[in-house]
Amino acid sequence: MASVRVAALGDIAMGTNRAFDIGGRSILIARTTHGVFALDNQCSHALQPLEGGKMKAVHIFCPLHGVRFDLRDGSPTGNITKMCVRTWPVTLADNDILIEMEL
């Protein structure tokens, strides 16, 4: 695992999410009042991007079918899918968002 700088904290407005290409993988950074989270930018149900999905507290909703995923561990809620979305550890250092991931 390597620590990778994704963006400056100011690049992600509070209450929004944005995808970044990190080593050929689309990683979604979500910033809520509960923290900054990183997860694969792909719904485990329909394999669609999660970027732009509505967020509430520590959850993101897939823009296509509304599947709700916990930003902390990627676990889904409901019956549409039981497959988690992969999450990545996030640290903040000097106003930078860093994630720990395999390259």
PDB file of N, CA and C in Angstrom:
ATOM      1  N   MET A   1       0.849  -1.174   0.000  1.00  0.00           N
ATOM      2  CA  MET A   1       0.000   0.000   0.000  1.00  0.00           C
ATOM      3  C   MET A   1       0.897   1.240   0.000  1.00  0.00           C
ATOM      4  N   ALA A   2       0.446   2.248  -0.746  1.00  0.00           N
ATOM      5  CA  ALA A   2       1.183   3.494  -0.839  1.00  0.00           C
ATOM      6  C   ALA A   2       0.244   4.649  -0.517  1.00  0.00           C
ATOM      7  N   SER A   3       0.803   5.691   0.046  1.00  0.00           N
ATOM      8  CA  SER A   3       0.044   6.893   0.320  1.00  0.00           C
ATOM      9  C   SER A   3       0.075   7.757  -0.937  1.00  0.00           C
ATOM     10  N   VAL A   4      -1.111   8.070  -1.478  1.00  0.00           N
ATOM     11  CA  VAL A   4      -1.229   8.794  -2.739  1.00  0.00           C
ATOM     12  C   VAL A   4      -2.011  10.086  -2.518  1.00  0.00           C
ATOM     13  N   ARG A   5      -1.440  11.203  -2.965  1.00  0.00           N
ATOM     14  CA  ARG A   5      -2.158  12.473  -2.901  1.00  0.00           C
ATOM     15  C   ARG A   5      -3.203  12.489  -4.016  1.00  0.00           C
ATOM     16  N   VAL A   6      -4.439  12.761  -3.636  1.00  0.00           N
ATOM     17  CA  VAL A   6      -5.523  12.793  -4.610  1.00  0.00           C
ATOM     18  C   VAL A   6      -5.847  14.223  -5.022  1.00  0.00           C
ATOM     19  N   ALA A   7      -5.994  15.100  -4.035  1.00  0.00           N
ATOM     20  CA  ALA A   7      -6.398  16.479  -4.311  1.00  0.00           C
ATOM     21  C   ALA A   7      -6.192  17.313  -3.057  1.00  0.00           C
ATOM     22  N   ALA A   8      -6.348  18.611  -3.217  1.00  0.00           N
ATOM     23  CA  ALA A   8      -6.383  19.498  -2.058  1.00  0.00           C
ATOM     24  C   ALA A   8      -7.788  19.417  -1.454  1.00  0.00           C
ATOM     25  N   LEU A   9      -7.876  19.551  -0.158  1.00  0.00           N
ATOM     26  CA  LEU A   9      -9.176  19.494   0.508  1.00  0.00           C
ATOM     27  C   LEU A   9     -10.134  20.527  -0.092  1.00  0.00           C
ATOM     28  N   GLY A  10      -9.630  21.691  -0.430  1.00  0.00           N
ATOM     29  CA  GLY A  10     -10.461  22.748  -1.003  1.00  0.00           C
ATOM     30  C   GLY A  10     -11.001  22.430  -2.390  1.00  0.00           C
ATOM     31  N   ASP A  11     -10.460  21.399  -3.046  1.00  0.00           N
ATOM     32  CA  ASP A  11     -10.951  21.005  -4.375  1.00  0.00           C
ATOM     33  C   ASP A  11     -12.310  20.301  -4.310  1.00  0.00           C
ATOM     34  N   ILE A  12     -12.682  19.827  -3.114  1.00  0.00           N
ATOM     35  CA  ILE A  12     -13.955  19.115  -2.933  1.00  0.00           C
ATOM     36  C   ILE A  12     -14.803  19.934  -1.965  1.00  0.00           C
ATOM     37  N   ALA A  13     -15.839  20.555  -2.478  1.00  0.00           N
ATOM     38  CA  ALA A  13     -16.708  21.363  -1.620  1.00  0.00           C
ATOM     39  C   ALA A  13     -17.466  20.460  -0.648  1.00  0.00           C
ATOM     40  N   MET A  14     -17.762  21.004   0.527  1.00  0.00           N
ATOM     41  CA  MET A  14     -18.534  20.264   1.519  1.00  0.00           C
ATOM     42  C   MET A  14     -19.858  19.807   0.912  1.00  0.00           C
ATOM     43  N   GLY A  15     -20.192  18.545   1.117  1.00  0.00           N
ATOM     44  CA  GLY A  15     -21.456  17.990   0.622  1.00  0.00           C
ATOM     45  C   GLY A  15     -21.412  17.533  -0.821  1.00  0.00           C
ATOM     46  N   THR A  16     -20.196  17.449  -1.395  1.00  0.00           N
ATOM     47  CA  THR A  16     -20.084  17.007  -2.787  1.00  0.00           C
ATOM     48  C   THR A  16     -19.132  15.826  -2.894  1.00  0.00           C
ATOM     49  N   ASN A  17     -19.075  15.258  -4.088  1.00  0.00           N
ATOM     50  CA  ASN A  17     -18.148  14.163  -4.378  1.00  0.00           C
ATOM     51  C   ASN A  17     -17.592  14.351  -5.776  1.00  0.00           C
ATOM     52  N   ARG A  18     -16.409  13.782  -5.991  1.00  0.00           N
ATOM     53  CA  ARG A  18     -15.736  13.947  -7.279  1.00  0.00           C
ATOM     54  C   ARG A  18     -14.827  12.747  -7.522  1.00  0.00           C
ATOM     55  N   ALA A  19     -14.809  12.276  -8.755  1.00  0.00           N
ATOM     56  CA  ALA A  19     -13.981  11.121  -9.112  1.00  0.00           C
ATOM     57  C   ALA A  19     -12.631  11.570  -9.641  1.00  0.00           C
ATOM     58  N   PHE A  20     -11.614  10.762  -9.331  1.00  0.00           N
ATOM     59  CA  PHE A  20     -10.244  10.987  -9.780  1.00  0.00           C
ATOM     60  C   PHE A  20      -9.698   9.681 -10.327  1.00  0.00           C
ATOM     61  N   ASP A  21      -8.882   9.764 -11.367  1.00  0.00           N
ATOM     62  CA  ASP A  21      -8.208   8.587 -11.903  1.00  0.00           C
ATOM     63  C   ASP A  21      -6.894   8.424 -11.152  1.00  0.00           C
ATOM     64  N   ILE A  22      -6.779   7.345 -10.405  1.00  0.00           N
ATOM     65  CA  ILE A  22      -5.568   7.049  -9.629  1.00  0.00           C
ATOM     66  C   ILE A  22      -5.042   5.701 -10.101  1.00  0.00           C
ATOM     67  N   GLY A  23      -3.934   5.725 -10.790  1.00  0.00           N
ATOM     68  CA  GLY A  23      -3.338   4.474 -11.264  1.00  0.00           C
ATOM     69  C   GLY A  23      -4.265   3.657 -12.149  1.00  0.00           C
ATOM     70  N   GLY A  24      -5.073   4.339 -12.968  1.00  0.00           N
ATOM     71  CA  GLY A  24      -5.996   3.644 -13.861  1.00  0.00           C
ATOM     72  C   GLY A  24      -7.287   3.193 -13.196  1.00  0.00           C
ATOM     73  N   ARG A  25      -7.511   3.599 -11.968  1.00  0.00           N
ATOM     74  CA  ARG A  25      -8.711   3.220 -11.222  1.00  0.00           C
ATOM     75  C   ARG A  25      -9.493   4.491 -10.894  1.00  0.00           C
ATOM     76  N   SER A  26     -10.806   4.472 -11.082  1.00  0.00           N
ATOM     77  CA  SER A  26     -11.635   5.625 -10.758  1.00  0.00           C
ATOM     78  C   SER A  26     -11.986   5.577  -9.264  1.00  0.00           C
ATOM     79  N   ILE A  27     -11.498   6.585  -8.536  1.00  0.00           N
ATOM     80  CA  ILE A  27     -11.719   6.677  -7.092  1.00  0.00           C
ATOM     81  C   ILE A  27     -12.592   7.889  -6.809  1.00  0.00           C
ATOM     82  N   LEU A  28     -13.651   7.674  -6.050  1.00  0.00           N
ATOM     83  CA  LEU A  28     -14.562   8.755  -5.683  1.00  0.00           C
ATOM     84  C   LEU A  28     -14.175   9.293  -4.315  1.00  0.00           C
ATOM     85  N   ILE A  29     -13.980  10.597  -4.245  1.00  0.00           N
ATOM     86  CA  ILE A  29     -13.740  11.274  -2.974  1.00  0.00           C
ATOM     87  C   ILE A  29     -15.033  11.985  -2.607  1.00  0.00           C
ATOM     88  N   ALA A  30     -15.540  11.695  -1.413  1.00  0.00           N
ATOM     89  CA  ALA A  30     -16.783  12.289  -0.929  1.00  0.00           C
ATOM     90  C   ALA A  30     -16.481  13.071   0.342  1.00  0.00           C
ATOM     91  N   ARG A  31     -16.966  14.300   0.394  1.00  0.00           N
ATOM     92  CA  ARG A  31     -16.730  15.140   1.573  1.00  0.00           C
ATOM     93  C   ARG A  31     -18.072  15.492   2.204  1.00  0.00           C
ATOM     94  N   THR A  32     -18.250  15.059   3.442  1.00  0.00           N
ATOM     95  CA  THR A  32     -19.474  15.352   4.184  1.00  0.00           C
ATOM     96  C   THR A  32     -19.095  15.984   5.515  1.00  0.00           C
ATOM     97  N   THR A  33     -20.083  16.399   6.271  1.00  0.00           N
ATOM     98  CA  THR A  33     -19.809  16.937   7.604  1.00  0.00           C
ATOM     99  C   THR A  33     -19.285  15.842   8.530  1.00  0.00           C
ATOM    100  N   HIS A  34     -19.367  14.587   8.101  1.00  0.00           N
ATOM    101  CA  HIS A  34     -18.884  13.449   8.894  1.00  0.00           C
ATOM    102  C   HIS A  34     -17.468  13.040   8.522  1.00  0.00           C
ATOM    103  N   GLY A  35     -16.889  13.671   7.502  1.00  0.00           N
ATOM    104  CA  GLY A  35     -15.515  13.365   7.121  1.00  0.00           C
ATOM    105  C   GLY A  35     -15.317  13.320   5.624  1.00  0.00           C
ATOM    106  N   VAL A  36     -14.109  12.884   5.248  1.00  0.00           N
ATOM    107  CA  VAL A  36     -13.743  12.718   3.844  1.00  0.00           C
ATOM    108  C   VAL A  36     -13.549  11.220   3.626  1.00  0.00           C
ATOM    109  N   PHE A  37     -14.147  10.697   2.563  1.00  0.00           N
ATOM    110  CA  PHE A  37     -14.154   9.268   2.306  1.00  0.00           C
ATOM    111  C   PHE A  37     -13.693   8.981   0.880  1.00  0.00           C
ATOM    112  N   ALA A  38     -13.119   7.806   0.681  1.00  0.00           N
ATOM    113  CA  ALA A  38     -12.681   7.385  -0.656  1.00  0.00           C
ATOM    114  C   ALA A  38     -13.226   5.986  -0.921  1.00  0.00           C
ATOM    115  N   LEU A  39     -13.789   5.793  -2.107  1.00  0.00           N
ATOM    116  CA  LEU A  39     -14.300   4.497  -2.503  1.00  0.00           C
ATOM    117  C   LEU A  39     -14.221   4.358  -4.012  1.00  0.00           C
ATOM    118  N   ASP A  40     -14.280   3.116  -4.475  1.00  0.00           N
ATOM    119  CA  ASP A  40     -14.308   2.903  -5.914  1.00  0.00           C
ATOM    120  C   ASP A  40     -15.538   3.595  -6.480  1.00  0.00           C
ATOM    121  N   ASN A  41     -15.372   4.227  -7.622  1.00  0.00           N
ATOM    122  CA  ASN A  41     -16.449   4.990  -8.252  1.00  0.00           C
ATOM    123  C   ASN A  41     -17.283   4.072  -9.144  1.00  0.00           C
ATOM    124  N   GLN A  42     -17.822   3.007  -8.541  1.00  0.00           N
ATOM    125  CA  GLN A  42     -18.626   2.066  -9.327  1.00  0.00           C
ATOM    126  C   GLN A  42     -19.620   1.355  -8.415  1.00  0.00           C
ATOM    127  N   CYS A  43     -20.885   1.503  -8.735  1.00  0.00           N
ATOM    128  CA  CYS A  43     -21.945   0.813  -8.012  1.00  0.00           C
ATOM    129  C   CYS A  43     -21.769  -0.697  -8.204  1.00  0.00           C
ATOM    130  N   SER A  44     -21.906  -1.450  -7.144  1.00  0.00           N
ATOM    131  CA  SER A  44     -21.738  -2.906  -7.243  1.00  0.00           C
ATOM    132  C   SER A  44     -22.963  -3.592  -7.847  1.00  0.00           C
ATOM    133  N   HIS A  45     -24.027  -2.862  -8.061  1.00  0.00           N
ATOM    134  CA  HIS A  45     -25.227  -3.437  -8.664  1.00  0.00           C
ATOM    135  C   HIS A  45     -25.204  -3.341 -10.187  1.00  0.00           C
ATOM    136  N   ALA A  46     -25.132  -2.124 -10.712  1.00  0.00           N
ATOM    137  CA  ALA A  46     -25.230  -1.927 -12.160  1.00  0.00           C
ATOM    138  C   ALA A  46     -23.913  -1.462 -12.774  1.00  0.00           C
ATOM    139  N   LEU A  47     -22.851  -1.443 -11.949  1.00  0.00           N
ATOM    140  CA  LEU A  47     -21.512  -1.059 -12.411  1.00  0.00           C
ATOM    141  C   LEU A  47     -21.482   0.340 -13.027  1.00  0.00           C
ATOM    142  N   GLN A  48     -22.342   1.207 -12.528  1.00  0.00           N
ATOM    143  CA  GLN A  48     -22.401   2.596 -12.983  1.00  0.00           C
ATOM    144  C   GLN A  48     -21.613   3.483 -12.039  1.00  0.00           C
ATOM    145  N   PRO A  49     -21.112   4.632 -12.511  1.00  0.00           N
ATOM    146  CA  PRO A  49     -20.386   5.550 -11.631  1.00  0.00           C
ATOM    147  C   PRO A  49     -21.276   6.079 -10.504  1.00  0.00           C
ATOM    148  N   LEU A  50     -20.678   6.210  -9.332  1.00  0.00           N
ATOM    149  CA  LEU A  50     -21.375   6.794  -8.182  1.00  0.00           C
ATOM    150  C   LEU A  50     -21.213   8.304  -8.137  1.00  0.00           C
ATOM    151  N   GLU A  51     -20.278   8.835  -8.912  1.00  0.00           N
ATOM    152  CA  GLU A  51     -20.012  10.267  -8.919  1.00  0.00           C
ATOM    153  C   GLU A  51     -21.301  11.042  -9.190  1.00  0.00           C
ATOM    154  N   GLY A  52     -21.519  12.061  -8.394  1.00  0.00           N
ATOM    155  CA  GLY A  52     -22.715  12.884  -8.544  1.00  0.00           C
ATOM    156  C   GLY A  52     -23.907  12.376  -7.756  1.00  0.00           C
ATOM    157  N   GLY A  53     -23.760  11.202  -7.136  1.00  0.00           N
ATOM    158  CA  GLY A  53     -24.864  10.661  -6.337  1.00  0.00           C
ATOM    159  C   GLY A  53     -25.131  11.531  -5.119  1.00  0.00           C
ATOM    160  N   LYS A  54     -26.392  11.603  -4.726  1.00  0.00           N
ATOM    161  CA  LYS A  54     -26.764  12.370  -3.535  1.00  0.00           C
ATOM    162  C   LYS A  54     -26.143  11.720  -2.311  1.00  0.00           C
ATOM    163  N   MET A  55     -25.810  12.554  -1.341  1.00  0.00           N
ATOM    164  CA  MET A  55     -25.235  12.055  -0.100  1.00  0.00           C
ATOM    165  C   MET A  55     -26.071  12.553   1.071  1.00  0.00           C
ATOM    166  N   LYS A  56     -26.164  11.696   2.076  1.00  0.00           N
ATOM    167  CA  LYS A  56     -26.851  12.058   3.307  1.00  0.00           C
ATOM    168  C   LYS A  56     -26.079  11.422   4.457  1.00  0.00           C
ATOM    169  N   ALA A  57     -25.596  12.260   5.357  1.00  0.00           N
ATOM    170  CA  ALA A  57     -24.778  11.814   6.496  1.00  0.00           C
ATOM    171  C   ALA A  57     -23.579  11.023   5.982  1.00  0.00           C
ATOM    172  N   VAL A  58     -23.528   9.713   6.209  1.00  0.00           N
ATOM    173  CA  VAL A  58     -22.391   8.887   5.769  1.00  0.00           C
ATOM    174  C   VAL A  58     -22.793   7.926   4.650  1.00  0.00           C
ATOM    175  N   HIS A  59     -23.782   8.320   3.859  1.00  0.00           N
ATOM    176  CA  HIS A  59     -24.259   7.463   2.776  1.00  0.00           C
ATOM    177  C   HIS A  59     -24.252   8.195   1.437  1.00  0.00           C
ATOM    178  N   ILE A  60     -24.036   7.410   0.379  1.00  0.00           N
ATOM    179  CA  ILE A  60     -24.158   7.917  -0.988  1.00  0.00           C
ATOM    180  C   ILE A  60     -25.174   7.045  -1.707  1.00  0.00           C
ATOM    181  N   PHE A  61     -25.960   7.671  -2.578  1.00  0.00           N
ATOM    182  CA  PHE A  61     -26.987   6.966  -3.333  1.00  0.00           C
ATOM    183  C   PHE A  61     -26.560   6.886  -4.793  1.00  0.00           C
ATOM    184  N   CYS A  62     -26.606   5.699  -5.364  1.00  0.00           N
ATOM    185  CA  CYS A  62     -26.270   5.525  -6.772  1.00  0.00           C
ATOM    186  C   CYS A  62     -27.232   6.363  -7.617  1.00  0.00           C
ATOM    187  N   PRO A  63     -26.705   7.180  -8.528  1.00  0.00           N
ATOM    188  CA  PRO A  63     -27.576   8.019  -9.357  1.00  0.00           C
ATOM    189  C   PRO A  63     -28.511   7.222 -10.264  1.00  0.00           C
ATOM    190  N   LEU A  64     -28.163   5.976 -10.583  1.00  0.00           N
ATOM    191  CA  LEU A  64     -28.977   5.190 -11.515  1.00  0.00           C
ATOM    192  C   LEU A  64     -30.185   4.530 -10.846  1.00  0.00           C
ATOM    193  N   HIS A  65     -29.971   3.742  -9.794  1.00  0.00           N
ATOM    194  CA  HIS A  65     -31.067   3.004  -9.168  1.00  0.00           C
ATOM    195  C   HIS A  65     -31.303   3.364  -7.703  1.00  0.00           C
ATOM    196  N   GLY A  66     -30.499   4.273  -7.156  1.00  0.00           N
ATOM    197  CA  GLY A  66     -30.724   4.712  -5.786  1.00  0.00           C
ATOM    198  C   GLY A  66     -30.189   3.783  -4.718  1.00  0.00           C
ATOM    199  N   VAL A  67     -29.371   2.800  -5.079  1.00  0.00           N
ATOM    200  CA  VAL A  67     -28.783   1.933  -4.055  1.00  0.00           C
ATOM    201  C   VAL A  67     -27.984   2.804  -3.091  1.00  0.00           C
ATOM    202  N   ARG A  68     -28.127   2.570  -1.803  1.00  0.00           N
ATOM    203  CA  ARG A  68     -27.433   3.367  -0.794  1.00  0.00           C
ATOM    204  C   ARG A  68     -26.229   2.587  -0.271  1.00  0.00           C
ATOM    205  N   PHE A  69     -25.068   3.269  -0.265  1.00  0.00           N
ATOM    206  CA  PHE A  69     -23.838   2.671   0.240  1.00  0.00           C
ATOM    207  C   PHE A  69     -23.305   3.510   1.387  1.00  0.00           C
ATOM    208  N   ASP A  70     -22.779   2.826   2.405  1.00  0.00           N
ATOM    209  CA  ASP A  70     -22.143   3.487   3.530  1.00  0.00           C
ATOM    210  C   ASP A  70     -20.747   3.930   3.087  1.00  0.00           C
ATOM    211  N   LEU A  71     -20.460   5.207   3.191  1.00  0.00           N
ATOM    212  CA  LEU A  71     -19.167   5.739   2.764  1.00  0.00           C
ATOM    213  C   LEU A  71     -18.016   5.224   3.616  1.00  0.00           C
ATOM    214  N   ARG A  72     -18.304   4.789   4.839  1.00  0.00           N
ATOM    215  CA  ARG A  72     -17.242   4.335   5.747  1.00  0.00           C
ATOM    216  C   ARG A  72     -16.706   2.957   5.388  1.00  0.00           C
ATOM    217  N   ASP A  73     -17.585   2.065   4.941  1.00  0.00           N
ATOM    218  CA  ASP A  73     -17.133   0.692   4.663  1.00  0.00           C
ATOM    219  C   ASP A  73     -17.654   0.123   3.346  1.00  0.00           C
ATOM    220  N   GLY A  74     -18.408   0.904   2.592  1.00  0.00           N
ATOM    221  CA  GLY A  74     -18.904   0.471   1.288  1.00  0.00           C
ATOM    222  C   GLY A  74     -20.084  -0.472   1.316  1.00  0.00           C
ATOM    223  N   SER A  75     -20.624  -0.751   2.496  1.00  0.00           N
ATOM    224  CA  SER A  75     -21.727  -1.716   2.582  1.00  0.00           C
ATOM    225  C   SER A  75     -23.026  -1.123   2.034  1.00  0.00           C
ATOM    226  N   PRO A  76     -23.790  -1.957   1.302  1.00  0.00           N
ATOM    227  CA  PRO A  76     -25.064  -1.496   0.739  1.00  0.00           C
ATOM    228  C   PRO A  76     -26.209  -1.676   1.733  1.00  0.00           C
ATOM    229  N   THR A  77     -27.264  -0.927   1.506  1.00  0.00           N
ATOM    230  CA  THR A  77     -28.485  -1.066   2.287  1.00  0.00           C
ATOM    231  C   THR A  77     -29.606  -1.441   1.320  1.00  0.00           C
ATOM    232  N   GLY A  78     -30.456  -2.367   1.709  1.00  0.00           N
ATOM    233  CA  GLY A  78     -31.577  -2.760   0.865  1.00  0.00           C
ATOM    234  C   GLY A  78     -31.334  -4.105   0.207  1.00  0.00           C
ATOM    235  N   ASN A  79     -32.199  -4.416  -0.761  1.00  0.00           N
ATOM    236  CA  ASN A  79     -32.191  -5.736  -1.389  1.00  0.00           C
ATOM    237  C   ASN A  79     -31.643  -5.760  -2.812  1.00  0.00           C
ATOM    238  N   ILE A  80     -31.280  -4.607  -3.366  1.00  0.00           N
ATOM    239  CA  ILE A  80     -30.844  -4.578  -4.758  1.00  0.00           C
ATOM    240  C   ILE A  80     -29.497  -5.276  -4.925  1.00  0.00           C
ATOM    241  N   THR A  81     -28.582  -5.070  -3.983  1.00  0.00           N
ATOM    242  CA  THR A  81     -27.276  -5.742  -4.032  1.00  0.00           C
ATOM    243  C   THR A  81     -26.800  -6.013  -2.616  1.00  0.00           C
ATOM    244  N   LYS A  82     -26.025  -7.047  -2.470  1.00  0.00           N
ATOM    245  CA  LYS A  82     -25.387  -7.366  -1.188  1.00  0.00           C
ATOM    246  C   LYS A  82     -23.881  -7.162  -1.276  1.00  0.00           C
ATOM    247  N   MET A  83     -23.387  -6.768  -2.469  1.00  0.00           N
ATOM    248  CA  MET A  83     -21.953  -6.589  -2.683  1.00  0.00           C
ATOM    249  C   MET A  83     -21.511  -5.183  -2.279  1.00  0.00           C
ATOM    250  N   CYS A  84     -20.475  -5.130  -1.463  1.00  0.00           N
ATOM    251  CA  CYS A  84     -19.916  -3.847  -1.018  1.00  0.00           C
ATOM    252  C   CYS A  84     -19.134  -3.174  -2.137  1.00  0.00           C
ATOM    253  N   VAL A  85     -18.971  -1.883  -2.001  1.00  0.00           N
ATOM    254  CA  VAL A  85     -18.075  -1.103  -2.847  1.00  0.00           C
ATOM    255  C   VAL A  85     -16.777  -0.962  -2.055  1.00  0.00           C
ATOM    256  N   ARG A  86     -15.644  -1.134  -2.710  1.00  0.00           N
ATOM    257  CA  ARG A  86     -14.358  -1.057  -2.020  1.00  0.00           C
ATOM    258  C   ARG A  86     -14.079   0.357  -1.546  1.00  0.00           C
ATOM    259  N   THR A  87     -13.647   0.473  -0.298  1.00  0.00           N
ATOM    260  CA  THR A  87     -13.276   1.766   0.266  1.00  0.00           C
ATOM    261  C   THR A  87     -11.768   1.795   0.507  1.00  0.00           C
ATOM    262  N   TRP A  88     -11.244   3.000   0.649  1.00  0.00           N
ATOM    263  CA  TRP A  88      -9.808   3.212   0.838  1.00  0.00           C
ATOM    264  C   TRP A  88      -9.598   4.134   2.024  1.00  0.00           C
ATOM    265  N   PRO A  89      -8.589   3.854   2.864  1.00  0.00           N
ATOM    266  CA  PRO A  89      -8.304   4.732   4.009  1.00  0.00           C
ATOM    267  C   PRO A  89      -7.892   6.131   3.542  1.00  0.00           C
ATOM    268  N   VAL A  90      -8.414   7.137   4.220  1.00  0.00           N
ATOM    269  CA  VAL A  90      -8.135   8.535   3.896  1.00  0.00           C
ATOM    270  C   VAL A  90      -7.439   9.199   5.070  1.00  0.00           C
ATOM    271  N   THR A  91      -6.435  10.003   4.760  1.00  0.00           N
ATOM    272  CA  THR A  91      -5.830  10.878   5.754  1.00  0.00           C
ATOM    273  C   THR A  91      -5.758  12.283   5.163  1.00  0.00           C
ATOM    274  N   LEU A  92      -5.780  13.262   6.034  1.00  0.00           N
ATOM    275  CA  LEU A  92      -5.632  14.652   5.626  1.00  0.00           C
ATOM    276  C   LEU A  92      -4.306  15.148   6.178  1.00  0.00           C
ATOM    277  N   ALA A  93      -3.508  15.749   5.317  1.00  0.00           N
ATOM    278  CA  ALA A  93      -2.208  16.283   5.733  1.00  0.00           C
ATOM    279  C   ALA A  93      -1.936  17.574   4.972  1.00  0.00           C
ATOM    280  N   ASP A  94      -1.720  18.646   5.711  1.00  0.00           N
ATOM    281  CA  ASP A  94      -1.428  19.946   5.097  1.00  0.00           C
ATOM    282  C   ASP A  94      -2.477  20.324   4.052  1.00  0.00           C
ATOM    283  N   ASN A  95      -3.748  20.095   4.373  1.00  0.00           N
ATOM    284  CA  ASN A  95      -4.878  20.395   3.489  1.00  0.00           C
ATOM    285  C   ASN A  95      -4.889  19.554   2.204  1.00  0.00           C
ATOM    286  N   ASP A  96      -4.168  18.453   2.202  1.00  0.00           N
ATOM    287  CA  ASP A  96      -4.208  17.516   1.080  1.00  0.00           C
ATOM    288  C   ASP A  96      -4.981  16.269   1.484  1.00  0.00           C
ATOM    289  N   ILE A  97      -5.680  15.687   0.516  1.00  0.00           N
ATOM    290  CA  ILE A  97      -6.386  14.419   0.730  1.00  0.00           C
ATOM    291  C   ILE A  97      -5.450  13.310   0.229  1.00  0.00           C
ATOM    292  N   LEU A  98      -5.103  12.402   1.130  1.00  0.00           N
ATOM    293  CA  LEU A  98      -4.245  11.273   0.801  1.00  0.00           C
ATOM    294  C   LEU A  98      -5.028   9.985   1.017  1.00  0.00           C
ATOM    295  N   ILE A  99      -4.845   9.017   0.123  1.00  0.00           N
ATOM    296  CA  ILE A  99      -5.455   7.715   0.333  1.00  0.00           C
ATOM    297  C   ILE A  99      -4.381   6.647   0.309  1.00  0.00           C
ATOM    298  N   GLU A 100      -4.637   5.576   1.035  1.00  0.00           N
ATOM    299  CA  GLU A 100      -3.745   4.422   1.050  1.00  0.00           C
ATOM    300  C   GLU A 100      -4.318   3.400   0.076  1.00  0.00           C
ATOM    301  N   MET A 101      -3.528   3.078  -0.958  1.00  0.00           N
ATOM    302  CA  MET A 101      -4.022   2.096  -1.918  1.00  0.00           C
ATOM    303  C   MET A 101      -2.876   1.400  -2.616  1.00  0.00           C
ATOM    304  N   GLU A 102      -3.195   0.279  -3.235  1.00  0.00           N
ATOM    305  CA  GLU A 102      -2.223  -0.457  -4.023  1.00  0.00           C
ATOM    306  C   GLU A 102      -2.087   0.221  -5.368  1.00  0.00           C
ATOM    307  N   LEU A 103      -0.889   0.357  -5.845  1.00  0.00           N
ATOM    308  CA  LEU A 103      -0.665   0.940  -7.182  1.00  0.00           C
ATOM    309  C   LEU A 103      -0.182  -0.119  -8.139  1.00  0.00           C
TER     310      LEU A 103
END
